[in-house]
Protein backbone atom coordinates (compact mmCIF):
# COMPACT_ATOMS: atom_id res chain seq x y z
CA UNK A 1 0.03 -0.14 -0.04
CA UNK A 2 1.11 3.75 -0.88
CA UNK A 3 2.67 5.91 1.94
CA UNK A 4 0.54 8.36 1.70
CA UNK A 5 -2.62 5.51 1.82
CA UNK A 6 -1.26 4.42 4.58
CA UNK A 7 -1.25 7.35 6.66
CA UNK A 8 -4.88 8.05 5.31
CA UNK A 9 -5.79 5.40 6.69
CA UNK A 10 -4.32 5.29 10.16
CA UNK A 11 -5.26 9.15 11.09
CA UNK A 12 -8.60 9.25 12.75
CA UNK A 13 -10.72 12.07 14.58
CA UNK A 14 -8.97 11.69 17.58
CA UNK A 15 -5.62 13.23 16.11
CA UNK A 16 -5.68 16.91 16.92
CA UNK A 17 -3.98 20.15 15.72
CA UNK A 18 -2.37 21.32 18.61
CA UNK A 19 -2.54 24.98 17.61
CA UNK A 20 -5.94 24.69 16.79
CA UNK A 21 -7.61 21.80 18.60
CA UNK A 22 -9.63 20.94 15.70
CA UNK A 23 -9.88 16.99 15.05
CA UNK A 24 -7.08 16.24 11.76
CA UNK A 25 -9.00 15.56 8.94
CA UNK A 26 -7.48 12.58 6.35
CA UNK A 27 -7.08 15.06 3.07
CA UNK A 28 -5.14 17.15 5.68
CA UNK A 29 -6.22 21.24 5.62
CA UNK A 30 -8.17 22.77 2.85
CA UNK A 31 -6.32 26.40 1.49
CA UNK A 32 -9.31 27.89 3.54
CA UNK A 33 -8.05 26.11 6.47
CA UNK A 34 -4.54 27.15 5.86
CA UNK A 35 -4.83 30.81 5.34
CA UNK A 36 -6.86 31.13 8.53
CA UNK A 37 -3.74 29.36 10.57
CA UNK A 38 -1.02 31.10 8.09
CA UNK A 39 -2.55 34.59 9.52
CA UNK A 40 -2.71 33.74 12.95
CA UNK A 41 0.33 32.44 13.51
CA UNK A 42 2.54 34.32 11.07
CA UNK A 43 4.66 32.79 8.01
CA UNK A 44 6.72 29.33 9.13
CA UNK A 45 10.31 31.81 8.47
CA UNK A 46 12.40 33.56 10.85
CA UNK A 47 12.41 37.29 10.60
CA UNK A 48 15.71 39.29 8.83
CA UNK A 49 16.92 41.07 12.17
CA UNK A 50 19.95 42.17 10.55
CA UNK A 51 20.56 45.75 11.83
CA UNK A 52 22.10 47.72 9.67
CA UNK A 53 25.85 48.01 9.24
CA UNK A 54 25.63 51.73 10.13
CA UNK A 55 23.83 51.45 13.00
CA UNK A 56 26.06 48.52 14.34
CA UNK A 57 28.93 51.25 13.81
CA UNK A 58 26.89 53.87 16.02
CA UNK A 59 26.19 51.42 18.90
CA UNK A 60 30.34 50.51 19.31
CA UNK A 61 30.79 54.18 19.42
CA UNK A 62 28.19 55.13 21.96
CA UNK A 63 29.35 52.43 25.72
CA UNK A 64 31.07 53.73 28.73
CA UNK A 65 34.25 52.80 27.07
CA UNK A 66 33.60 54.75 23.72
CA UNK A 67 32.55 57.66 26.19
CA UNK A 68 35.48 58.04 27.97
CA UNK A 69 37.67 57.82 24.94
CA UNK A 70 35.25 60.85 23.11
CA UNK A 71 36.23 63.06 26.24
CA UNK A 72 40.11 62.00 26.19
CA UNK A 73 39.48 63.17 22.24
CA UNK A 74 37.77 66.51 22.90
CA UNK A 75 40.01 67.31 26.44
CA UNK A 76 43.40 67.24 24.36
CA UNK A 77 42.09 68.91 21.52
CA UNK A 78 40.81 72.01 23.89
CA UNK A 79 44.35 71.82 25.60
CA UNK A 80 46.37 71.82 21.66
CA UNK A 81 47.36 68.11 21.75
CA UNK A 82 46.22 67.20 18.59
CA UNK A 83 48.73 64.39 18.34
CA UNK A 84 47.86 62.29 21.12
CA UNK A 85 44.35 63.11 20.46
CA UNK A 86 44.51 61.87 17.06
CA UNK A 87 46.25 58.24 18.61
CA UNK A 88 43.03 58.27 21.08
CA UNK A 89 41.31 58.38 17.97
CA UNK A 90 42.81 55.45 16.80
CA UNK A 91 42.19 53.44 19.88
CA UNK A 92 38.55 54.18 19.55
CA UNK A 93 38.59 53.51 15.85
CA UNK A 94 39.79 50.36 16.23
CA UNK A 95 37.88 49.27 19.58
CA UNK A 96 34.72 50.45 17.93
CA UNK A 97 36.27 48.09 14.46
CA UNK A 98 37.04 44.91 16.75
CA UNK A 99 33.20 45.15 18.17
CA UNK A 100 31.93 45.77 14.81
CA UNK A 101 33.54 42.38 13.73
CA UNK A 102 32.51 40.18 16.53
CA UNK A 103 28.59 41.17 16.02
CA UNK A 104 29.82 40.48 12.29
CA UNK A 105 31.03 36.50 13.71
CA UNK A 106 27.26 36.45 15.40
CA UNK A 107 24.96 38.04 12.47
CA UNK A 108 27.23 34.90 10.35
CA UNK A 109 26.15 32.22 12.86
CA UNK A 110 22.66 33.33 12.66
CA UNK A 111 22.88 33.29 9.07
CA UNK A 112 24.47 29.87 8.73
CA UNK A 113 21.71 29.12 11.21
CA UNK A 114 19.46 29.94 8.52
CA UNK A 115 19.85 28.58 5.84
CA UNK A 116 20.27 24.91 7.05
CA UNK A 117 16.51 25.55 6.98
CA UNK A 118 13.89 23.48 4.20
CA UNK A 119 13.08 26.21 0.88
CA UNK A 120 9.88 23.70 -0.07
CA UNK A 121 7.79 21.29 1.36
CA UNK A 122 5.48 18.41 0.12
CA UNK A 123 2.12 19.63 2.00
CA UNK A 124 -1.35 17.80 1.57
CA UNK A 125 -4.61 20.71 1.02
CA UNK A 126 -7.79 19.88 -0.10
CA UNK A 127 -7.00 16.29 -0.35
CA UNK A 128 -3.74 16.83 -2.92
CA UNK A 129 0.02 16.44 -2.11
CA UNK A 130 1.82 19.79 -3.20
CA UNK A 131 5.23 21.19 -2.84
CA UNK A 132 4.34 24.37 -1.37
CA UNK A 133 7.20 27.11 0.04
CA UNK A 134 8.23 25.75 3.21
CA UNK A 135 6.85 29.76 4.29
CA UNK A 136 3.55 28.25 3.56
CA UNK A 137 3.78 25.61 5.84
CA UNK A 138 1.26 26.51 9.21
CA UNK A 139 0.33 24.04 12.58
CA UNK A 140 -2.09 21.77 11.26
CA UNK A 141 -0.76 20.81 7.96
CA UNK A 142 0.32 17.09 7.41
CA UNK A 143 4.24 16.67 5.21
CA UNK A 144 5.45 14.11 3.30
CA UNK A 145 9.17 13.83 4.72
CA UNK A 146 11.72 11.99 1.94
CA UNK A 147 14.94 11.21 1.61
CA UNK A 148 17.51 14.17 1.74
CA UNK A 149 14.50 16.66 2.54
CA UNK A 150 14.79 19.08 5.29
CA UNK A 151 11.92 19.11 7.96
CA UNK A 152 10.48 22.28 7.50
CA UNK A 153 9.03 23.37 10.66
CA UNK A 154 8.75 21.28 14.03
CA UNK A 155 7.00 17.97 13.32
CA UNK A 156 4.80 15.82 14.80
CA UNK A 157 5.49 12.02 12.87
CA UNK A 158 1.79 9.77 12.69
CA UNK A 159 2.84 7.54 9.61
CA UNK A 160 6.34 5.56 8.35
CA UNK A 161 9.71 5.72 9.01
CA UNK A 162 13.15 7.47 8.79
CA UNK A 163 16.46 8.69 9.87
CA UNK A 164 16.94 11.71 11.05
CA UNK A 165 20.14 14.00 11.23
CA UNK A 166 19.29 16.35 14.10
CA UNK A 167 23.21 17.01 14.48
CA UNK A 168 22.49 20.92 13.63
CA UNK A 169 19.95 21.21 16.97
CA UNK A 170 21.42 18.21 19.32
CA UNK A 171 25.23 18.13 18.37
CA UNK A 172 24.83 14.47 17.68
CA UNK A 173 26.17 13.06 15.19
CA UNK A 174 24.29 9.45 14.97
CA UNK A 175 20.88 9.18 13.06
CA UNK A 176 17.83 8.69 15.04
CA UNK A 177 15.67 6.43 14.13
CA UNK A 178 11.85 7.64 14.08
CA UNK A 179 8.43 6.50 14.04
CA UNK A 180 4.83 7.10 14.75
CA UNK A 181 4.63 9.57 17.90
CA UNK A 182 8.21 10.86 16.86
CA UNK A 183 8.69 14.27 17.58
CA UNK A 184 11.36 16.22 15.87
CA UNK A 185 12.46 19.26 14.65
CA UNK A 186 12.65 22.48 11.95
CA UNK A 187 16.22 22.42 9.89
CA UNK A 188 16.86 17.88 10.75
CA UNK A 189 17.30 16.20 7.79
CA UNK A 190 16.00 13.23 6.57
CA UNK A 191 19.05 10.40 5.61
CA UNK A 192 16.83 7.47 5.02
CA UNK A 193 13.14 6.40 4.26
CA UNK A 194 10.01 8.20 4.07
CA UNK A 195 7.06 9.72 6.77
CA UNK A 196 3.98 11.46 7.15
CA UNK A 197 4.10 14.24 10.19
CA UNK A 198 1.47 16.44 10.97
CA UNK A 199 2.97 20.28 11.55
CA UNK A 200 3.03 21.14 15.48
CA UNK A 201 4.70 24.37 15.64
CA UNK A 202 6.43 27.07 12.65
CA UNK A 203 8.53 30.06 12.33
CA UNK A 204 9.62 31.83 15.55
CA UNK A 205 7.67 29.15 17.57
CA UNK A 206 9.57 26.57 16.58
CA UNK A 207 12.59 24.87 18.64
CA UNK A 208 15.14 26.13 15.41
CA UNK A 209 13.10 29.48 15.69
CA UNK A 210 13.99 30.10 19.29
CA UNK A 211 17.44 29.04 19.29
CA UNK A 212 17.27 31.26 16.57
CA UNK A 213 16.52 34.07 18.70
CA UNK A 214 18.90 33.51 21.34
CA UNK A 215 22.02 33.23 20.05
CA UNK A 216 20.09 36.61 18.27
CA UNK A 217 19.89 37.63 21.37
CA UNK A 218 22.86 36.56 23.26
CA UNK A 219 26.00 39.11 24.78
CA UNK A 220 28.09 37.37 26.50
CA UNK A 221 30.45 39.95 28.30
CA UNK A 222 34.32 38.54 28.04
CA UNK A 223 36.44 38.44 31.23
CA UNK A 224 38.54 41.32 29.45
CA UNK A 225 35.44 43.49 29.59
CA UNK A 226 34.39 43.00 32.54
CA UNK A 227 38.16 44.20 33.62
CA UNK A 228 38.26 46.90 31.87
CA UNK A 229 34.89 48.20 32.96
CA UNK A 230 35.78 47.49 36.57
CA UNK A 231 38.74 49.58 36.52
CA UNK A 232 36.66 52.80 33.92
CA UNK A 233 34.46 52.64 37.44
CA UNK A 234 36.73 52.12 40.26
CA UNK A 235 38.36 55.50 38.02
CA UNK A 236 35.46 57.39 37.54
CA UNK A 237 34.78 57.17 41.02
CA UNK A 238 38.45 58.41 42.69
CA UNK A 239 37.94 61.12 40.08
CA UNK A 240 34.72 62.10 41.01
CA UNK A 241 35.96 61.79 45.08
CA UNK A 242 39.29 63.82 44.07
CA UNK A 243 37.48 66.48 42.73
CA UNK A 244 34.64 67.46 45.38
CA UNK A 245 37.82 67.02 48.29
CA UNK A 246 39.43 69.85 45.39
CA UNK A 247 36.57 72.00 45.56
CA UNK A 248 35.54 71.48 49.55
CA UNK A 249 39.07 72.79 49.89
CA UNK A 250 39.49 75.77 47.54
CA UNK A 251 36.29 76.64 49.49
CA UNK A 252 38.01 76.37 52.68
CA UNK A 253 38.58 79.25 55.18
CA UNK A 254 42.56 78.64 54.99
CA UNK A 255 41.87 79.42 51.29
CA UNK A 256 39.76 81.98 51.45
CA UNK A 257 41.49 84.35 53.97
CA UNK A 258 44.35 83.24 51.32
CA UNK A 259 42.02 84.77 48.24
CA UNK A 260 39.86 87.10 50.04
CA UNK A 261 39.09 88.57 46.52
CA UNK A 262 37.27 85.22 45.55
CA UNK A 263 33.58 85.39 45.19
CA UNK A 264 33.25 82.15 46.05
CA UNK A 265 34.28 83.28 49.83
């Protein structure tokens, strides 16, 4: 018996779509139902959140350490020490370029993750198997997973048997045998066999989407950055205390007697 027929026979009205709580028909979703679910859950894709290079560059110049360097540049220019100001400016640009490079590497990692997503998927709509863009897949769709294909969304197998490569998500190099009831995730690669699965999550709600979101938002402060920030904070506190002491001394009675012409005394 063909795989699609076997799955159609095995599906009963008791199988429910996680997102809509409605019984799953053997012929899959209709175009109208798919359109409604697409409006509710959005496309099965990850949004492009890559910041503009100009924005990234400005962000590298807007932080405590750059502020300190920028203040030093202004002070050196006011004092007429243009060579020193130029040296500090070079350090400022180098620091910004280094941060820009590190953030670019993070964006490249995110792009590499996105490149593993399926571009098309075999979906059962209106009782017919159709090849559609993976972005059109919605929760509740029936999708066919075949040899060499990429799982287009988080799915639960309901028929057939396949060997899955989930190394992109789990890091395991050994394939996983999967049969009815097995839950797998977007981005997994089918190494062997054929199966039909029920889509349970799409887009940013998938495990892959949540992982990509964590990568995008990750901002780990290195030990070197912590050390520099600690030094800057201590210097700022010391300078603040020193300024207060000098101001207090200049306004003290001793200084006032020495400078009776001062309008502050």
